Amino acid sequence: MATMMREQELYGPVKSLLEAQGYTVKGEVGAADVVARRGDAPPVVVELKLRFTLALFHQAVARLGLTDLVYLAVARPTGKTARRALKDNLSLCRRLGLGLITVRADGRCEVHCDPGPFQPRKSKQKAARLLREFDRIKGDPNVGGAVRGGLMTGYRQDALACAAHLAAHGPSRGAEVAKATGVSRATQVMYSNHYGWFDRQGRGRYGLTEAGFAEHTVWLARATPPVGDAAD
């Protein structure tokens, strides 16, 4: 399939789309790529780009100072990441109050959204999950923006507390670990063994694996505040 190589190739299809709706259309009017008028209604402004860029969004937001009817028009994305790119940028357009038009290589236009105010739907479930994780994390062990080397989560802190107890006292029953560390779900954490740190040594009894002993000491050094045996 042929691909568009110049922004000018977007103009014809977008102009035809608007003219079919009764607009008079002109290109390169002032700072705008496309301006369309229909009677005494507010003008429509369209900014053209071959692909989504931050500069395109900047231009479109600036045009909102002229009219509320601002569209982005881009060549329809292709390739493996096309669907995701379109979905993410469509969401951004809606949040900014912008319209979005994509133009296929054959000249066909598709209007994905029209300009207008957007009120995002809040997810009480996701908000509650976020606050639960916030409350579970002890201290402030992560630097905002950091992802390398893994992050300290509430679950990891619970696992570290269990591992620290086992390192100090040897194999123990889950109930003993829970009482000593204050980690109410200690048995479940050790049973799930998400990090491979724990070794089940009988019914309800757990010890540390070699990997667990080595890794938990590294993580303990990073923990803020230090995570250890609550009995210390």
Protein backbone atom coordinates (compact mmCIF):
# COMPACT_ATOMS: atom_id res chain seq x y z
CA MET A 1 0.00 0.00 0.00
CA ALA A 2 1.31 3.46 -0.91
CA THR A 3 2.09 5.87 1.92
CA MET A 4 1.77 9.63 2.06
CA MET A 5 5.09 11.44 1.89
CA ARG A 6 4.01 15.08 2.27
CA GLU A 7 1.60 16.94 4.52
CA GLN A 8 0.09 18.58 1.43
CA GLU A 9 -1.33 15.20 0.43
CA LEU A 10 -3.61 15.37 3.46
CA TYR A 11 -5.17 18.63 2.37
CA GLY A 12 -7.27 17.36 -0.54
CA PRO A 13 -9.05 14.58 1.40
CA VAL A 14 -9.66 16.85 4.42
CA LYS A 15 -11.01 19.63 2.21
CA SER A 16 -13.36 17.22 0.44
CA LEU A 17 -14.59 15.92 3.81
CA LEU A 18 -15.43 19.42 5.03
CA GLU A 19 -16.93 20.58 1.73
CA ALA A 20 -19.26 17.59 1.80
CA GLN A 21 -20.64 19.05 5.04
CA GLY A 22 -21.29 22.45 3.48
CA TYR A 23 -18.11 24.25 4.48
CA THR A 24 -16.07 26.63 2.38
CA VAL A 25 -12.46 25.57 2.85
CA LYS A 26 -9.16 27.40 2.37
CA GLY A 27 -5.60 26.30 3.08
CA GLU A 28 -2.83 28.20 4.88
CA VAL A 29 -4.91 31.01 6.33
CA GLY A 30 -2.85 32.95 8.84
CA ALA A 31 -1.10 30.45 11.11
CA ALA A 32 -3.64 27.68 10.45
CA ASP A 33 -3.12 24.86 7.93
CA VAL A 34 -6.82 24.65 7.08
CA VAL A 35 -9.75 26.94 7.86
CA ALA A 36 -13.36 26.12 7.04
CA ARG A 37 -16.47 28.32 7.33
CA ARG A 38 -20.17 27.58 7.08
CA GLY A 39 -22.47 30.58 7.33
CA ASP A 40 -22.18 32.46 10.61
CA ALA A 41 -21.05 29.39 12.59
CA PRO A 42 -17.63 29.48 14.32
CA PRO A 43 -14.77 28.53 12.00
CA VAL A 44 -13.23 25.08 11.92
CA VAL A 45 -9.43 24.89 12.06
CA VAL A 46 -7.48 21.77 11.07
CA GLU A 47 -3.77 21.21 11.66
CA LEU A 48 -2.10 18.72 9.30
CA LYS A 49 0.78 16.38 10.06
CA LEU A 50 1.93 13.06 8.64
CA ARG A 51 2.24 11.62 12.15
CA PHE A 52 1.47 12.42 15.75
CA THR A 53 4.04 14.74 17.32
CA LEU A 54 4.19 16.90 20.40
CA ALA A 55 4.54 19.94 18.13
CA LEU A 56 1.23 19.04 16.47
CA PHE A 57 -0.57 19.04 19.81
CA HIS A 58 1.09 22.34 20.73
CA GLN A 59 -0.13 23.90 17.49
CA ALA A 60 -3.65 22.57 17.91
CA VAL A 61 -3.92 23.79 21.51
CA ALA A 62 -2.74 27.24 20.38
CA ARG A 63 -5.53 27.29 17.77
CA LEU A 64 -8.08 26.85 20.58
CA GLY A 65 -7.45 30.54 21.20
CA LEU A 66 -9.17 31.18 17.85
CA THR A 67 -12.05 28.70 17.93
CA ASP A 68 -13.34 25.75 19.89
CA LEU A 69 -13.54 23.68 16.69
CA VAL A 70 -9.98 22.48 16.20
CA TYR A 71 -9.06 19.17 14.59
CA LEU A 72 -5.82 17.27 14.12
CA ALA A 73 -5.54 15.48 10.77
CA VAL A 74 -2.80 12.85 10.38
CA ALA A 75 -2.01 10.03 8.01
CA ARG A 76 -3.55 6.91 9.54
CA PRO A 77 -0.80 5.06 11.47
CA THR A 78 0.31 1.69 10.10
CA GLY A 79 2.43 -1.13 11.45
CA LYS A 80 2.48 -3.20 14.63
CA THR A 81 2.07 -0.29 17.03
CA ALA A 82 -0.52 1.58 14.94
CA ARG A 83 -3.59 0.58 16.95
CA ARG A 84 -1.99 1.52 20.25
CA ALA A 85 -0.66 4.82 18.88
CA LEU A 86 -4.08 5.73 17.55
CA LYS A 87 -5.84 4.78 20.79
CA ASP A 88 -3.42 6.73 23.00
CA ASN A 89 -3.48 9.85 20.85
CA LEU A 90 -7.26 9.71 20.48
CA SER A 91 -7.52 9.69 24.27
CA LEU A 92 -5.20 12.70 24.45
CA CYS A 93 -7.25 14.57 21.83
CA ARG A 94 -10.43 14.01 23.83
CA ARG A 95 -8.82 15.21 27.04
CA LEU A 96 -7.59 18.38 25.31
CA GLY A 97 -10.95 19.04 23.67
CA LEU A 98 -9.58 18.48 20.15
CA GLY A 99 -11.07 16.61 17.22
CA LEU A 100 -9.16 13.92 15.34
CA ILE A 101 -9.23 12.93 11.67
CA THR A 102 -7.08 10.25 10.08
CA VAL A 103 -6.44 9.99 6.35
CA ARG A 104 -5.75 6.67 4.67
CA ALA A 105 -3.30 6.33 1.80
CA ASP A 106 -6.29 6.00 -0.59
CA GLY A 107 -7.59 9.39 0.57
CA ARG A 108 -10.41 8.13 2.74
CA CYS A 109 -10.94 10.20 5.89
CA GLU A 110 -12.23 8.95 9.23
CA VAL A 111 -13.39 11.27 12.01
CA HIS A 112 -12.53 9.61 15.31
CA CYS A 113 -13.80 12.35 17.60
CA ASP A 114 -15.14 15.89 17.42
CA PRO A 115 -13.92 18.81 19.54
CA GLY A 116 -15.66 19.36 22.84
CA PRO A 117 -15.27 19.38 26.62
CA PHE A 118 -14.19 16.10 28.15
CA GLN A 119 -14.91 14.78 31.63
CA PRO A 120 -12.83 11.67 32.33
CA ARG A 121 -14.59 8.87 34.16
CA LYS A 122 -13.06 8.16 37.52
CA SER A 123 -12.52 4.57 38.60
CA LYS A 124 -13.24 4.18 42.30
CA GLN A 125 -11.78 0.68 42.18
CA LYS A 126 -8.46 1.83 40.71
CA ALA A 127 -8.31 4.79 43.09
CA ALA A 128 -8.89 2.49 46.07
CA ARG A 129 -6.17 0.11 44.82
CA LEU A 130 -3.73 3.03 44.51
CA LEU A 131 -4.46 4.22 48.04
CA ARG A 132 -4.14 0.71 49.47
CA GLU A 133 -0.68 0.38 47.93
CA PHE A 134 0.24 3.85 49.21
CA ASP A 135 -0.74 2.90 52.75
CA ARG A 136 1.06 -0.46 52.56
CA ILE A 137 4.43 1.00 51.56
CA LYS A 138 6.47 1.91 54.63
CA GLY A 139 8.40 5.14 54.31
CA ASP A 140 9.36 6.48 50.87
CA PRO A 141 11.78 3.86 49.45
CA ASN A 142 11.43 4.72 45.74
CA VAL A 143 12.73 7.71 43.80
CA GLY A 144 9.96 9.05 41.56
CA GLY A 145 10.62 8.19 37.91
CA ALA A 146 12.99 5.34 38.69
CA VAL A 147 12.28 1.94 37.17
CA ARG A 148 15.64 0.18 36.82
CA GLY A 149 16.46 -2.54 39.29
CA GLY A 150 12.85 -2.91 40.38
CA LEU A 151 10.75 -0.93 42.81
CA MET A 152 10.00 -1.37 46.48
CA THR A 153 6.33 -2.28 46.76
CA GLY A 154 4.21 -3.03 49.78
CA TYR A 155 4.28 -6.71 48.83
CA ARG A 156 8.07 -6.72 48.59
CA GLN A 157 8.34 -5.04 51.99
CA ASP A 158 6.15 -7.77 53.47
CA ALA A 159 8.35 -10.43 51.86
CA LEU A 160 11.47 -8.71 53.18
CA ALA A 161 10.10 -8.65 56.70
CA CYS A 162 9.38 -12.39 56.49
CA ALA A 163 12.82 -13.10 55.02
CA ALA A 164 14.57 -11.03 57.67
CA HIS A 165 12.83 -13.00 60.41
CA LEU A 166 13.78 -16.34 58.85
CA ALA A 167 17.39 -15.19 58.40
CA ALA A 168 17.59 -14.30 62.07
CA HIS A 169 15.61 -17.18 63.59
CA GLY A 170 15.78 -19.97 61.04
CA PRO A 171 12.83 -21.93 59.63
CA SER A 172 9.59 -20.85 61.28
CA ARG A 173 5.86 -21.38 61.08
CA GLY A 174 3.83 -18.78 59.24
CA ALA A 175 1.87 -17.79 62.33
CA GLU A 176 5.12 -17.15 64.20
CA VAL A 177 6.45 -14.96 61.40
CA ALA A 178 3.18 -13.03 61.21
CA LYS A 179 3.20 -12.33 64.96
CA ALA A 180 6.86 -11.31 65.06
CA THR A 181 6.84 -9.07 61.97
CA GLY A 182 3.33 -7.67 62.00
CA VAL A 183 2.77 -8.98 58.46
CA SER A 184 -0.69 -10.48 58.82
CA ARG A 185 -0.48 -12.37 55.55
CA ALA A 186 3.02 -13.75 56.13
CA THR A 187 1.97 -17.35 55.47
CA GLN A 188 0.39 -16.39 52.13
CA VAL A 189 3.46 -14.37 51.09
CA MET A 190 5.81 -17.27 51.82
CA TYR A 191 3.47 -19.84 50.29
CA SER A 192 3.10 -17.83 47.05
CA ASN A 193 6.89 -17.40 46.95
CA HIS A 194 6.70 -14.78 44.22
CA TYR A 195 10.42 -13.96 44.40
CA GLY A 196 11.70 -17.51 44.99
CA TRP A 197 13.00 -16.60 48.45
CA PHE A 198 11.14 -19.15 50.53
CA ASP A 199 11.34 -22.91 50.90
CA ARG A 200 8.43 -24.85 52.37
CA GLN A 201 9.79 -27.26 54.95
CA GLY A 202 6.65 -28.95 56.15
CA ARG A 203 3.10 -27.96 56.81
CA GLY A 204 2.98 -24.22 57.49
CA ARG A 205 6.75 -24.06 58.07
CA TYR A 206 9.15 -22.09 55.87
CA GLY A 207 12.83 -21.36 55.52
CA LEU A 208 14.97 -19.21 53.22
CA THR A 209 16.43 -20.41 49.95
CA GLU A 210 20.02 -19.47 49.07
CA ALA A 211 18.69 -16.92 46.61
CA GLY A 212 16.37 -15.56 49.27
CA PHE A 213 19.17 -15.10 51.77
CA ALA A 214 21.38 -13.35 49.22
CA GLU A 215 18.71 -11.16 47.63
CA HIS A 216 16.91 -10.11 50.76
CA THR A 217 20.11 -8.66 52.23
CA VAL A 218 20.56 -6.51 49.11
CA TRP A 219 16.99 -5.28 49.29
CA LEU A 220 17.20 -4.66 53.02
CA ALA A 221 20.12 -2.31 52.39
CA ARG A 222 17.91 -0.32 50.00
CA ALA A 223 14.81 -0.28 52.18
CA THR A 224 13.73 3.00 53.76
CA PRO A 225 12.98 2.74 56.59
CA PRO A 226 14.97 -0.46 57.26
CA VAL A 227 12.75 -3.52 57.27
CA GLY A 228 13.60 -6.14 59.85
CA ASP A 229 12.32 -8.30 62.64
CA ALA A 230 9.69 -6.41 64.58
CA ALA A 231 11.01 -8.06 67.73
CA ASP A 232 14.40 -6.33 67.39
